[in-house]
Amino acid sequence: MSDIVLKEVSKSFGAVSVLDKVSMHISSGEFIVFLGPSGCGKSTLLRMIAGLEQVSGGEIHLGGQRVDQLPPNERGVAMVFQNYALYPHMTVRDNMSFGLQNVGTPKEEIKRRVEDAARMLEISQLLDRKPAQLSGGQRQRVAIGRAIVRDPKAFLLDEPLSNLDAGLRVRTRLELAQLHHRIKATMIFVTHDQTEAMTLATRIVVMNNKRVEQIGTPMEVYTRPATRFVAGFVGSPAMNFLPIASVSDSNGKASVGLPGQTIETAVPMAGLPKDKLTFGIRPEAVRIAAEGQGLKGEADVVERLGERTLVYTRLADGSTIIAEDKGISAVQPGDTVYLAIDGNAAMVFDEAGKAYHAAA
């Protein structure tokens, strides 16, 4: 078993706290993604699991054993870094086998592991090349292969795709997903890219300001964000937020007053604060409607994406809401538009940022 358990893990550099009592349970075989903005502590947390940073407080357990007091080489994890960290004077074969040689693994076993990993990653033809002769994507595969041959309890990947160009990132992302499916290993992947998180993760750990905001499956995080931060950070484009002028009870559900329109939502009134509330709605739940039907505004920017068109609409009070239209849209900047809002897809946030959703 390769379960990873964090119990109130904290980290400080002198008087500066960077992680505050982070707890979670990662099950064996999961693909977990730490997602958050720069400076939120996600890479530091990964390095603490790897043993590259000391724990200031709390405990880390791996496979039922406490490991936060063990050196990195005794934890049974393998790290894949953002910058590949390959030895330039060594061949691919030597880079992949170097760690095994250092611990005295028999030569035949090293040869078998390296060739198996190379075959899995489709780099068998590159084994006798040196890193300077490889593309960025090939170097990243070698770095992953070097981790695979160690047969670790868990793989730790620190933004491994960030140095690749856009097209190669997509291909390598798919290869990582396929690799996880084949080897069924526990993987923790750090990124600030929500697309990587949504497409790779079994569960996403959304981090912000030294703490965990939410842990959930990609669609749980997207459709039922726990906080306003999660709602705004996950999703492209980001969720629309509008101030709520008033809220009333409509058959037990919240009816909210927005600039220019009242929206019936599916959010229960029970437990909902009465003031300082914010309305949240995903752009795909706001559609361009027929003239005179819905919330009136002016198209400010029209973003044509092929399969859909995003219309950034300025409302009468100066606030902006992003709406979605069909791919071949007639809307032009400056046009008066009307927006149909799906109240059933809406959510409400209180002053502290807590989210209120429709009943599950």
Protein backbone atom coordinates (compact mmCIF):
# COMPACT_ATOMS: atom_id res chain seq x y z
CA MET A 1 0.00 0.00 0.00
CA SER A 2 1.20 3.51 -0.86
CA ASP A 3 -1.27 5.69 1.03
CA ILE A 4 0.12 9.10 1.94
CA VAL A 5 -1.26 10.76 5.07
CA LEU A 6 -0.48 14.33 6.11
CA LYS A 7 -1.40 15.29 9.67
CA GLU A 8 -1.46 19.04 10.39
CA VAL A 9 1.74 19.62 8.43
CA SER A 10 3.17 23.12 8.80
CA LYS A 11 6.22 24.89 7.40
CA SER A 12 7.91 28.12 8.39
CA PHE A 13 11.06 29.83 7.20
CA GLY A 14 12.07 31.75 10.29
CA ALA A 15 9.12 33.93 11.25
CA VAL A 16 7.44 33.48 7.83
CA SER A 17 4.75 30.78 7.72
CA VAL A 18 4.25 29.18 4.29
CA LEU A 19 2.00 26.22 5.23
CA ASP A 20 -0.43 26.08 8.11
CA LYS A 21 -1.68 22.71 9.47
CA VAL A 22 -2.34 20.96 6.15
CA SER A 23 -4.03 17.57 6.48
CA MET A 24 -5.13 15.06 3.83
CA HIS A 25 -5.30 11.35 3.01
CA ILE A 26 -4.08 10.26 -0.44
CA SER A 27 -5.12 6.71 -1.28
CA SER A 28 -2.80 4.23 -2.97
CA GLY A 29 -2.95 4.56 -6.77
CA GLU A 30 -4.52 8.04 -6.83
CA PHE A 31 -3.35 10.79 -9.17
CA ILE A 32 -3.47 13.86 -6.94
CA VAL A 33 -2.87 17.35 -8.28
CA PHE A 34 -1.83 20.23 -6.01
CA LEU A 35 -3.30 23.28 -7.77
CA GLY A 36 -2.93 26.89 -6.81
CA PRO A 37 -1.34 30.25 -7.64
CA SER A 38 2.37 30.97 -7.26
CA GLY A 39 3.38 31.27 -3.62
CA CYS A 40 0.51 29.22 -2.18
CA GLY A 41 2.87 26.53 -0.81
CA LYS A 42 2.13 23.64 -3.19
CA SER A 43 5.75 23.01 -4.27
CA THR A 44 6.96 23.37 -0.68
CA LEU A 45 4.44 20.75 0.41
CA LEU A 46 5.63 18.38 -2.31
CA ARG A 47 9.26 18.89 -1.32
CA MET A 48 8.36 18.14 2.31
CA ILE A 49 6.83 14.82 1.26
CA ALA A 50 10.01 14.10 -0.74
CA GLY A 51 12.24 15.03 2.21
CA LEU A 52 13.86 17.98 0.44
CA GLU A 53 12.37 20.39 2.99
CA GLN A 54 12.09 19.77 6.73
CA VAL A 55 8.70 19.74 8.43
CA SER A 56 8.17 22.51 10.99
CA GLY A 57 5.17 20.78 12.52
CA GLY A 58 2.91 17.78 11.99
CA GLU A 59 3.53 14.33 10.53
CA ILE A 60 3.88 12.67 7.11
CA HIS A 61 3.08 8.96 6.73
CA LEU A 62 3.74 6.84 3.63
CA GLY A 63 2.54 3.25 3.36
CA GLY A 64 1.74 3.16 7.07
CA GLN A 65 5.22 4.39 8.11
CA ARG A 66 6.04 7.83 9.46
CA VAL A 67 8.62 9.29 7.07
CA ASP A 68 9.00 12.98 7.92
CA GLN A 69 12.06 12.17 10.04
CA LEU A 70 13.67 9.94 7.39
CA PRO A 71 16.20 11.11 4.75
CA PRO A 72 14.88 11.36 1.16
CA ASN A 73 16.52 8.11 -0.03
CA GLU A 74 14.69 6.07 2.62
CA ARG A 75 11.19 7.36 1.91
CA GLY A 76 10.48 5.27 -1.19
CA VAL A 77 9.49 8.20 -3.39
CA ALA A 78 10.84 9.43 -6.73
CA MET A 79 10.86 13.10 -7.74
CA VAL A 80 10.50 14.51 -11.26
CA PHE A 81 11.66 18.12 -11.41
CA GLN A 82 10.61 21.04 -13.59
CA ASN A 83 14.11 21.42 -15.09
CA TYR A 84 14.64 17.65 -15.80
CA ALA A 85 17.94 17.58 -13.79
CA LEU A 86 19.69 15.22 -16.23
CA TYR A 87 23.46 14.72 -16.22
CA PRO A 88 24.61 16.28 -19.53
CA HIS A 89 27.72 14.06 -19.89
CA MET A 90 25.76 10.82 -19.49
CA THR A 91 23.67 8.92 -22.03
CA VAL A 92 19.95 8.41 -21.49
CA ARG A 93 20.68 4.84 -20.36
CA ASP A 94 23.24 6.04 -17.80
CA ASN A 95 20.96 8.81 -16.53
CA MET A 96 18.15 6.32 -15.96
CA SER A 97 20.38 3.71 -14.30
CA PHE A 98 22.56 6.01 -12.17
CA GLY A 99 20.40 5.86 -9.04
CA LEU A 100 20.14 2.07 -9.20
CA GLN A 101 23.91 1.74 -9.58
CA ASN A 102 24.43 3.85 -6.45
CA VAL A 103 22.41 1.43 -4.31
CA GLY A 104 24.13 -1.66 -5.71
CA THR A 105 21.33 -3.07 -7.86
CA PRO A 106 22.59 -6.04 -9.96
CA LYS A 107 23.53 -5.14 -13.54
CA GLU A 108 21.00 -7.49 -15.14
CA GLU A 109 18.22 -6.05 -13.00
CA ILE A 110 19.25 -2.50 -13.95
CA LYS A 111 19.28 -3.44 -17.64
CA ARG A 112 15.80 -4.99 -17.40
CA ARG A 113 14.28 -2.03 -15.53
CA VAL A 114 15.79 0.58 -17.87
CA GLU A 115 14.66 -1.25 -21.01
CA ASP A 116 11.17 -1.84 -19.60
CA ALA A 117 10.79 1.84 -18.68
CA ALA A 118 12.18 2.98 -22.05
CA ARG A 119 9.72 0.72 -23.86
CA MET A 120 6.84 2.04 -21.78
CA LEU A 121 7.81 5.66 -22.53
CA GLU A 122 8.69 4.96 -26.19
CA ILE A 123 12.28 6.17 -25.83
CA SER A 124 14.09 2.88 -26.50
CA GLN A 125 15.74 4.39 -29.60
CA LEU A 126 17.17 7.23 -27.48
CA LEU A 127 19.04 5.20 -24.86
CA ASP A 128 22.49 5.90 -26.32
CA ARG A 129 21.94 9.63 -26.85
CA LYS A 130 22.93 12.42 -24.49
CA PRO A 131 20.50 15.08 -23.19
CA ALA A 132 21.81 17.76 -25.60
CA GLN A 133 20.62 15.56 -28.48
CA LEU A 134 17.05 15.39 -27.17
CA SER A 135 14.02 17.65 -27.46
CA GLY A 136 12.36 19.08 -24.35
CA GLY A 137 9.65 16.44 -24.44
CA GLN A 138 12.17 13.63 -24.79
CA ARG A 139 14.19 14.96 -21.85
CA GLN A 140 11.06 15.01 -19.73
CA ARG A 141 10.35 11.38 -20.65
CA VAL A 142 13.88 10.47 -19.59
CA ALA A 143 13.36 12.22 -16.25
CA ILE A 144 10.11 10.29 -15.76
CA GLY A 145 11.87 7.07 -16.81
CA ARG A 146 14.58 7.67 -14.23
CA ALA A 147 11.84 7.80 -11.60
CA ILE A 148 10.04 4.71 -12.92
CA VAL A 149 13.12 2.45 -12.74
CA ARG A 150 13.36 3.05 -8.99
CA ASP A 151 9.95 1.37 -8.56
CA PRO A 152 8.95 3.91 -5.89
CA LYS A 153 5.93 3.87 -3.61
CA ALA A 154 4.94 7.28 -4.99
CA PHE A 155 5.89 9.62 -7.83
CA LEU A 156 6.21 13.33 -7.04
CA LEU A 157 6.12 15.65 -10.07
CA ASP A 158 6.88 19.36 -9.63
CA GLU A 159 5.44 21.28 -12.62
CA PRO A 160 7.06 18.81 -15.05
CA LEU A 161 5.36 20.26 -18.15
CA SER A 162 6.01 23.96 -17.62
CA ASN A 163 9.12 24.09 -19.84
CA LEU A 164 7.37 22.53 -22.84
CA ASP A 165 5.66 24.41 -25.67
CA ALA A 166 1.85 24.34 -25.89
CA GLY A 167 1.49 21.46 -28.34
CA LEU A 168 4.04 19.29 -26.57
CA ARG A 169 2.43 19.99 -23.21
CA VAL A 170 -0.85 18.54 -24.49
CA ARG A 171 0.82 15.38 -25.83
CA THR A 172 2.94 14.86 -22.72
CA ARG A 173 -0.12 15.42 -20.52
CA LEU A 174 -1.92 12.62 -22.34
CA GLU A 175 1.14 10.38 -22.02
CA LEU A 176 1.23 10.98 -18.25
CA ALA A 177 -2.44 10.02 -17.96
CA GLN A 178 -1.80 6.83 -19.95
CA LEU A 179 1.29 6.06 -17.85
CA HIS A 180 -0.68 6.37 -14.62
CA HIS A 181 -3.37 4.08 -16.02
CA ARG A 182 -0.74 1.46 -16.88
CA ILE A 183 1.37 1.42 -13.71
CA LYS A 184 -1.40 2.27 -11.19
CA ALA A 185 1.10 4.14 -9.01
CA THR A 186 0.41 6.89 -6.50
CA MET A 187 1.26 10.21 -8.14
CA ILE A 188 1.29 13.77 -6.80
CA PHE A 189 1.55 16.46 -9.47
CA VAL A 190 2.09 20.16 -8.74
CA THR A 191 0.82 22.78 -11.19
CA HIS A 192 -0.75 26.23 -11.44
CA ASP A 193 -2.41 25.18 -14.74
CA GLN A 194 -6.04 24.26 -14.17
CA THR A 195 -6.29 22.41 -17.51
CA GLU A 196 -3.55 20.02 -16.37
CA ALA A 197 -5.36 19.56 -13.07
CA MET A 198 -8.78 18.95 -14.61
CA THR A 199 -7.52 16.45 -17.20
CA LEU A 200 -5.06 14.46 -15.05
CA ALA A 201 -6.35 14.35 -11.50
CA THR A 202 -8.26 11.69 -9.64
CA ARG A 203 -8.71 14.44 -7.07
CA ILE A 204 -7.57 18.06 -6.99
CA VAL A 205 -6.17 19.76 -3.89
CA VAL A 206 -6.81 23.49 -4.39
CA MET A 207 -4.39 25.52 -2.30
CA ASN A 208 -4.30 29.21 -1.45
CA ASN A 209 -2.54 31.33 1.12
CA LYS A 210 -0.84 28.54 3.16
CA ARG A 211 -3.86 26.26 3.36
CA VAL A 212 -6.11 23.86 1.48
CA GLU A 213 -9.28 25.48 0.15
CA GLN A 214 -10.90 22.30 -1.19
CA ILE A 215 -10.16 18.65 -2.03
CA GLY A 216 -12.40 16.94 -4.57
CA THR A 217 -12.73 15.33 -7.97
CA PRO A 218 -12.25 17.68 -10.92
CA MET A 219 -15.99 18.01 -11.52
CA GLU A 220 -16.76 18.45 -7.80
CA VAL A 221 -14.30 21.33 -7.68
CA TYR A 222 -15.73 22.81 -10.87
CA THR A 223 -19.46 22.42 -10.24
CA ARG A 224 -19.52 22.76 -6.44
CA PRO A 225 -16.58 24.96 -5.40
CA ALA A 226 -16.28 25.31 -1.64
CA THR A 227 -15.21 28.95 -1.73
CA ARG A 228 -15.23 31.99 -3.96
CA PHE A 229 -11.49 31.59 -4.46
CA VAL A 230 -11.93 28.07 -5.87
CA ALA A 231 -14.83 29.22 -8.05
CA GLY A 232 -12.74 32.03 -9.52
CA PHE A 233 -9.50 30.06 -9.88
CA VAL A 234 -10.91 26.91 -11.51
CA GLY A 235 -12.57 27.44 -14.88
CA SER A 236 -11.61 29.19 -18.07
CA PRO A 237 -12.90 31.82 -18.38
CA ALA A 238 -13.42 32.41 -14.68
CA MET A 239 -16.81 32.39 -13.01
CA ASN A 240 -18.88 35.56 -13.20
CA PHE A 241 -19.43 37.37 -9.90
CA LEU A 242 -22.10 40.04 -9.43
CA PRO A 243 -23.17 41.86 -6.26
CA ILE A 244 -26.58 40.88 -4.90
CA ALA A 245 -28.72 43.88 -4.06
CA SER A 246 -31.48 41.88 -2.34
CA VAL A 247 -32.48 38.32 -1.55
CA SER A 248 -35.96 36.92 -0.92
CA ASP A 249 -37.56 33.55 -0.28
CA SER A 250 -39.25 31.90 -3.27
CA ASN A 251 -40.71 28.55 -2.16
CA GLY A 252 -37.68 27.89 0.04
CA LYS A 253 -35.16 28.92 -2.64
CA ALA A 254 -33.19 32.17 -2.91
CA SER A 255 -34.47 34.77 -5.36
CA VAL A 256 -31.71 37.33 -5.84
CA GLY A 257 -31.83 40.88 -7.13
CA LEU A 258 -29.07 41.72 -9.65
CA PRO A 259 -28.45 44.95 -11.54
CA GLY A 260 -31.43 45.03 -13.91
CA GLN A 261 -33.04 41.65 -13.15
CA THR A 262 -34.20 39.26 -10.44
CA ILE A 263 -32.97 35.67 -10.78
CA GLU A 264 -34.67 32.62 -9.29
CA THR A 265 -31.95 30.24 -8.05
CA ALA A 266 -31.98 26.68 -6.73
CA VAL A 267 -29.95 27.69 -3.65
CA PRO A 268 -31.92 26.90 -0.44
CA MET A 269 -32.78 29.87 1.74
CA ALA A 270 -32.18 27.84 4.90
CA GLY A 271 -28.90 28.97 6.46
CA LEU A 272 -28.24 31.64 3.84
CA PRO A 273 -27.12 35.05 5.19
CA LYS A 274 -29.34 37.98 4.22
CA ASP A 275 -26.78 40.58 3.19
CA LYS A 276 -23.31 41.14 1.71
CA LEU A 277 -23.84 38.31 -0.74
CA THR A 278 -22.35 37.69 -4.19
CA PHE A 279 -23.97 35.91 -7.12
CA GLY A 280 -21.82 33.40 -9.03
CA ILE A 281 -22.52 31.86 -12.44
CA ARG A 282 -20.35 30.07 -15.00
CA PRO A 283 -20.19 31.70 -18.45
CA GLU A 284 -21.70 28.59 -20.09
CA ALA A 285 -24.85 29.14 -18.00
CA VAL A 286 -25.24 32.67 -19.43
CA ARG A 287 -26.45 32.62 -23.04
CA ILE A 288 -27.09 35.33 -25.62
CA ALA A 289 -30.90 35.61 -25.84
CA ALA A 290 -33.42 37.10 -28.24
CA GLU A 291 -33.90 40.86 -28.20
CA GLY A 292 -35.79 42.08 -25.15
CA GLN A 293 -35.46 38.78 -23.27
CA GLY A 294 -33.16 38.69 -20.25
CA LEU A 295 -30.55 40.96 -18.74
CA LYS A 296 -29.65 43.92 -20.96
CA GLY A 297 -26.07 44.98 -21.60
CA GLU A 298 -23.54 46.09 -24.19
CA ALA A 299 -21.02 43.77 -25.83
CA ASP A 300 -17.60 45.06 -24.88
CA VAL A 301 -15.29 42.32 -26.23
CA VAL A 302 -16.22 39.40 -28.48
CA GLU A 303 -13.86 36.41 -28.27
CA ARG A 304 -14.36 33.88 -31.08
CA LEU A 305 -13.02 30.43 -30.15
CA GLY A 306 -14.38 28.35 -33.01
CA GLU A 307 -16.82 26.01 -31.27
CA ARG A 308 -18.19 28.85 -29.11
CA THR A 309 -18.06 32.62 -28.78
CA LEU A 310 -17.51 34.46 -25.50
CA VAL A 311 -19.18 37.85 -25.17
CA TYR A 312 -17.84 40.14 -22.43
CA THR A 313 -20.88 42.24 -21.62
CA ARG A 314 -20.99 45.51 -19.70
CA LEU A 315 -24.13 45.99 -17.61
CA ALA A 316 -25.88 49.24 -16.73
CA ASP A 317 -24.06 49.55 -13.40
CA GLY A 318 -20.64 49.12 -15.06
CA SER A 319 -20.07 45.51 -13.97
CA THR A 320 -19.03 42.89 -16.51
CA ILE A 321 -20.48 39.45 -17.15
CA ILE A 322 -19.16 36.87 -19.63
CA ALA A 323 -21.80 35.12 -21.72
CA GLU A 324 -21.55 32.30 -24.23
CA ASP A 325 -22.95 32.27 -27.77
CA LYS A 326 -22.79 29.78 -30.63
CA GLY A 327 -19.56 29.43 -32.57
CA ILE A 328 -20.78 31.42 -35.56
CA SER A 329 -22.10 34.44 -33.68
CA ALA A 330 -23.39 37.68 -35.19
CA VAL A 331 -22.59 39.72 -32.06
CA GLN A 332 -20.14 42.59 -32.57
CA PRO A 333 -18.46 44.88 -30.01
CA GLY A 334 -20.81 47.75 -29.18
CA ASP A 335 -24.00 45.76 -29.85
CA THR A 336 -26.82 45.77 -27.33
CA VAL A 337 -27.31 42.20 -26.13
CA TYR A 338 -29.68 40.36 -23.85
CA LEU A 339 -28.53 37.57 -21.55
CA ALA A 340 -30.51 34.53 -20.42
CA ILE A 341 -29.16 33.33 -17.05
CA ASP A 342 -29.80 29.76 -15.88
CA GLY A 343 -30.64 30.30 -12.23
CA ASN A 344 -30.46 26.56 -11.50
CA ALA A 345 -26.72 26.68 -12.20
CA ALA A 346 -26.11 29.69 -9.97
CA MET A 347 -24.46 29.76 -6.57
CA VAL A 348 -24.21 32.34 -3.81
CA PHE A 349 -21.16 33.41 -1.77
CA ASP A 350 -21.20 35.10 1.60
CA GLU A 351 -18.89 37.87 2.79
CA ALA A 352 -16.24 35.36 3.94
CA GLY A 353 -16.27 33.61 0.55
CA LYS A 354 -18.16 30.46 1.58
CA ALA A 355 -20.23 28.96 -1.24
CA TYR A 356 -23.90 28.05 -1.09
CA HIS A 357 -25.14 25.64 -3.79
CA ALA A 358 -28.31 24.00 -4.96
CA ALA A 359 -29.11 20.85 -2.96
CA ALA A 360 -27.01 17.89 -4.15
